[in-house]
Amino acid sequence: MKKIKLLQQVSQQGVVAVLRGESPEEVIEMANQCIEGGIKVIEITMTVPFALRAIEKLAVSYSSNAADPSKFAIIGVGTALDPETARAAILSGAEFVVGPSLNPATVTLCNRYRVPIMPGVMTIKEIQEALELGVDIVKLFPGNLYSPAMIKAIKGPVPQANIMPTGGVSLDNLAEWVKAGAVAVGIGSDLTSEAVKTGDYSLIAGRAAQYMEAYRSAKNPE
């Protein structure tokens, strides 16, 4: 049941913050600012040095079962290339796993522990293989190689696929992706680049709030 609830929460929240940085301390601060701004689904990529430290600390600080909304967030791992990485992250508290590509062994591992897995896909063939392996959400990656029309094209032959574009989603085109049928969207450097450049990490909270407002407006247009 926990896996089903997590998938529902990801879909309801709609925006996933994909965080990369130079240290666990930096991505923890990024995550805190994203959560402050309203993005409650946080993906810490394994390209961050000592990423598991950040995942563990954030998992302790925030719980998807928290009664206090201010302490609610779903912490996951990204750039999980293999099942060993996925298992280490799960043991550190990751509640979902994201990979840049479809690795069947990683999917099997996550299914074994009932942890949502969102592998990267680029083709209908990969999407079909992911569905056959039991994947619930596929990550269309890199999203900047496609337009939102790609989702409609995919859903022609595979209407049951739940698609999360990541890479290339911006405030300017988020509504188009949502209206095309994206179950959620992944946002990376556009959330954090200005903060990193200026050293003012509070800018991330403001950017996160803009993305959540854009997502809510796209889901519930007046």
Protein backbone atom coordinates (compact mmCIF):
# COMPACT_ATOMS: atom_id res chain seq x y z
CA MET A 1 0.00 0.00 0.00
CA LYS A 2 2.86 2.39 0.71
CA LYS A 3 4.04 2.20 -2.90
CA ILE A 4 0.55 2.99 -4.19
CA LYS A 5 0.28 5.94 -1.81
CA LEU A 6 3.67 7.29 -2.87
CA LEU A 7 2.76 7.07 -6.56
CA GLN A 8 -0.48 8.90 -5.86
CA GLN A 9 1.39 11.60 -3.96
CA VAL A 10 3.90 12.09 -6.78
CA SER A 11 1.02 12.46 -9.23
CA GLN A 12 -0.85 14.85 -6.94
CA GLN A 13 2.21 17.00 -6.25
CA GLY A 14 3.10 17.02 -9.94
CA VAL A 15 6.54 18.66 -9.77
CA VAL A 16 9.77 16.81 -8.94
CA ALA A 17 12.87 18.81 -8.03
CA VAL A 18 15.98 17.16 -9.51
CA LEU A 19 18.89 18.40 -7.41
CA ARG A 20 22.59 18.28 -8.23
CA GLY A 21 25.35 20.03 -6.33
CA GLU A 22 28.94 20.01 -5.17
CA SER A 23 28.31 18.63 -1.67
CA PRO A 24 25.62 16.99 0.46
CA GLU A 25 25.31 20.22 2.45
CA GLU A 26 24.58 22.18 -0.72
CA VAL A 27 21.84 19.85 -1.96
CA ILE A 28 20.29 19.68 1.51
CA GLU A 29 19.98 23.47 1.46
CA MET A 30 18.55 23.30 -2.06
CA ALA A 31 16.03 20.69 -0.93
CA ASN A 32 14.99 22.71 2.11
CA GLN A 33 14.39 25.75 -0.09
CA CYS A 34 12.41 23.72 -2.65
CA ILE A 35 10.21 22.33 0.11
CA GLU A 36 9.77 25.82 1.57
CA GLY A 37 8.59 26.97 -1.86
CA GLY A 38 6.08 24.15 -2.16
CA ILE A 39 7.84 21.42 -4.17
CA LYS A 40 7.45 18.35 -1.97
CA VAL A 41 9.00 15.65 -4.19
CA ILE A 42 12.79 15.83 -4.04
CA GLU A 43 15.22 13.77 -6.13
CA ILE A 44 18.85 13.80 -4.97
CA THR A 45 21.08 12.58 -7.79
CA MET A 46 23.90 10.15 -7.17
CA THR A 47 26.25 12.48 -9.03
CA VAL A 48 26.41 14.54 -5.82
CA PRO A 49 29.52 13.60 -3.80
CA PHE A 50 28.39 11.61 -0.73
CA ALA A 51 24.81 11.81 -1.97
CA LEU A 52 23.65 9.13 0.46
CA ARG A 53 24.47 11.45 3.37
CA ALA A 54 22.09 14.04 1.97
CA ILE A 55 19.35 11.46 1.35
CA GLU A 56 19.68 10.09 4.88
CA LYS A 57 19.55 13.50 6.54
CA LEU A 58 16.59 14.66 4.45
CA ALA A 59 14.75 11.37 5.01
CA VAL A 60 15.13 11.86 8.77
CA SER A 61 14.00 15.50 8.58
CA TYR A 62 10.99 14.91 6.35
CA SER A 63 8.53 12.06 6.25
CA SER A 64 5.83 11.37 3.68
CA ASN A 65 3.70 10.26 6.64
CA ALA A 66 4.25 13.45 8.65
CA ALA A 67 1.10 14.88 10.19
CA ASP A 68 2.61 18.38 10.03
CA PRO A 69 2.38 19.58 6.38
CA SER A 70 5.50 21.69 6.84
CA LYS A 71 7.47 18.51 7.55
CA PHE A 72 6.05 16.55 4.62
CA ALA A 73 8.25 15.73 1.64
CA ILE A 74 9.05 12.66 -0.41
CA ILE A 75 12.79 12.10 -0.72
CA GLY A 76 14.12 9.95 -3.56
CA VAL A 77 17.30 9.16 -5.42
CA GLY A 78 18.21 9.98 -9.02
CA THR A 79 20.85 8.79 -11.49
CA ALA A 80 20.62 5.26 -10.09
CA LEU A 81 22.51 3.31 -12.75
CA ASP A 82 22.28 -0.14 -11.18
CA PRO A 83 20.50 -2.15 -8.46
CA GLU A 84 23.41 -1.81 -6.04
CA THR A 85 23.06 1.98 -6.09
CA ALA A 86 19.29 1.77 -5.76
CA ARG A 87 19.48 -0.58 -2.77
CA ALA A 88 22.05 1.62 -1.00
CA ALA A 89 19.81 4.65 -1.49
CA ILE A 90 16.73 2.79 -0.27
CA LEU A 91 18.63 1.78 2.88
CA SER A 92 19.51 5.45 3.35
CA GLY A 93 15.84 6.41 3.24
CA ALA A 94 15.05 7.02 -0.45
CA GLU A 95 11.34 6.48 -1.07
CA PHE A 96 11.58 6.36 -4.86
CA VAL A 97 14.27 5.65 -7.44
CA VAL A 98 14.92 7.39 -10.75
CA GLY A 99 17.36 6.29 -13.43
CA PRO A 100 18.56 7.92 -16.66
CA SER A 101 17.81 4.73 -18.58
CA LEU A 102 15.87 1.47 -18.33
CA ASN A 103 17.90 -1.07 -16.36
CA PRO A 104 15.84 -4.26 -15.84
CA ALA A 105 17.88 -5.38 -12.82
CA THR A 106 17.23 -2.07 -11.08
CA VAL A 107 13.50 -2.36 -11.78
CA THR A 108 13.48 -5.89 -10.37
CA LEU A 109 15.25 -4.74 -7.21
CA CYS A 110 12.80 -1.88 -6.66
CA ASN A 111 9.80 -4.11 -7.31
CA ARG A 112 11.15 -6.58 -4.75
CA TYR A 113 11.06 -3.89 -2.07
CA ARG A 114 7.89 -2.20 -3.37
CA VAL A 115 9.69 1.07 -4.07
CA PRO A 116 8.52 3.20 -7.03
CA ILE A 117 11.03 3.19 -9.89
CA MET A 118 11.00 5.76 -12.71
CA PRO A 119 13.49 4.77 -15.41
CA GLY A 120 14.48 7.03 -18.27
CA VAL A 121 13.07 6.11 -21.69
CA MET A 122 13.29 7.54 -25.19
CA THR A 123 11.32 5.13 -27.40
CA ILE A 124 8.03 3.27 -27.55
CA LYS A 125 10.01 0.03 -27.35
CA GLU A 126 11.62 1.07 -24.07
CA ILE A 127 8.26 2.20 -22.68
CA GLN A 128 6.68 -1.16 -23.56
CA GLU A 129 9.59 -3.00 -21.92
CA ALA A 130 9.24 -0.84 -18.80
CA LEU A 131 5.53 -1.60 -18.56
CA GLU A 132 6.19 -5.31 -18.94
CA LEU A 133 8.70 -5.09 -16.08
CA GLY A 134 6.07 -3.48 -13.84
CA VAL A 135 7.11 0.18 -14.02
CA ASP A 136 4.35 2.62 -13.04
CA ILE A 137 5.89 5.92 -14.23
CA VAL A 138 8.48 6.33 -17.00
CA LYS A 139 10.74 9.36 -17.26
CA LEU A 140 10.85 10.82 -20.77
CA PHE A 141 14.50 11.84 -20.85
CA PRO A 142 16.05 14.03 -22.01
CA GLY A 143 12.82 15.96 -22.42
CA ASN A 144 14.48 18.80 -24.32
CA LEU A 145 14.83 16.50 -27.33
CA TYR A 146 11.05 16.39 -27.64
CA SER A 147 8.04 18.67 -27.63
CA PRO A 148 4.91 18.09 -25.53
CA ALA A 149 3.33 16.58 -28.65
CA MET A 150 5.53 13.54 -28.00
CA ILE A 151 3.25 12.48 -25.14
CA LYS A 152 0.21 12.44 -27.41
CA ALA A 153 2.19 10.40 -29.93
CA ILE A 154 3.19 7.89 -27.24
CA LYS A 155 -0.31 7.62 -25.81
CA GLY A 156 -1.69 6.68 -29.23
CA PRO A 157 -0.33 3.10 -29.07
CA VAL A 158 0.39 3.08 -25.32
CA PRO A 159 -2.38 5.05 -23.57
CA GLN A 160 -1.72 3.30 -20.26
CA ALA A 161 1.79 4.77 -19.91
CA ASN A 162 2.32 7.36 -17.17
CA ILE A 163 4.95 9.78 -18.48
CA MET A 164 7.11 12.26 -16.58
CA PRO A 165 9.19 14.52 -18.85
CA THR A 166 12.47 15.65 -17.31
CA GLY A 167 14.97 18.05 -18.85
CA GLY A 168 13.77 20.95 -20.93
CA VAL A 169 10.62 21.61 -18.88
CA SER A 170 10.37 25.31 -18.02
CA LEU A 171 7.84 27.80 -16.70
CA ASP A 172 7.15 28.72 -20.31
CA ASN A 173 6.19 25.21 -21.46
CA LEU A 174 5.11 23.43 -18.26
CA ALA A 175 1.42 23.97 -19.02
CA GLU A 176 1.85 22.44 -22.46
CA TRP A 177 3.42 19.30 -20.99
CA VAL A 178 0.67 18.96 -18.38
CA LYS A 179 -2.12 19.52 -20.91
CA ALA A 180 -0.47 16.94 -23.18
CA GLY A 181 -0.91 14.35 -20.44
CA ALA A 182 2.27 14.36 -18.32
CA VAL A 183 1.60 12.68 -14.96
CA ALA A 184 4.33 14.87 -13.41
CA VAL A 185 7.34 16.91 -14.54
CA GLY A 186 10.97 16.92 -13.43
CA ILE A 187 12.73 20.29 -12.99
CA GLY A 188 16.50 20.53 -12.64
CA SER A 189 18.94 23.38 -13.08
CA ASP A 190 16.27 26.00 -13.80
CA LEU A 191 15.35 25.77 -10.12
CA THR A 192 18.85 26.27 -8.78
CA SER A 193 21.17 27.91 -11.34
CA GLU A 194 20.51 31.53 -10.29
CA ALA A 195 20.90 30.66 -6.61
CA VAL A 196 24.20 28.90 -7.23
CA LYS A 197 25.46 31.80 -9.31
CA THR A 198 24.56 34.47 -6.73
CA GLY A 199 25.01 32.44 -3.56
CA ASP A 200 21.46 33.37 -2.48
CA TYR A 201 19.75 30.01 -1.99
CA SER A 202 16.50 31.65 -0.88
CA LEU A 203 15.91 32.31 -4.59
CA ILE A 204 15.17 28.58 -4.96
CA ALA A 205 12.09 28.86 -2.74
CA GLY A 206 10.71 31.64 -4.92
CA ARG A 207 11.40 29.68 -8.09
CA ALA A 208 9.80 26.57 -6.61
CA ALA A 209 6.68 28.56 -5.73
CA GLN A 210 6.45 29.78 -9.32
CA TYR A 211 6.61 26.22 -10.62
CA MET A 212 3.93 24.99 -8.23
CA GLU A 213 1.65 27.87 -9.16
CA ALA A 214 2.20 27.14 -12.86
CA TYR A 215 1.43 23.46 -12.29
CA ARG A 216 -1.76 24.17 -10.33
CA SER A 217 -2.92 26.63 -13.00
CA ALA A 218 -2.28 24.08 -15.74
CA LYS A 219 -4.17 21.34 -13.88
CA ASN A 220 -7.11 23.56 -12.92
CA PRO A 221 -7.50 26.31 -15.52
CA GLU A 222 -10.20 28.84 -14.78
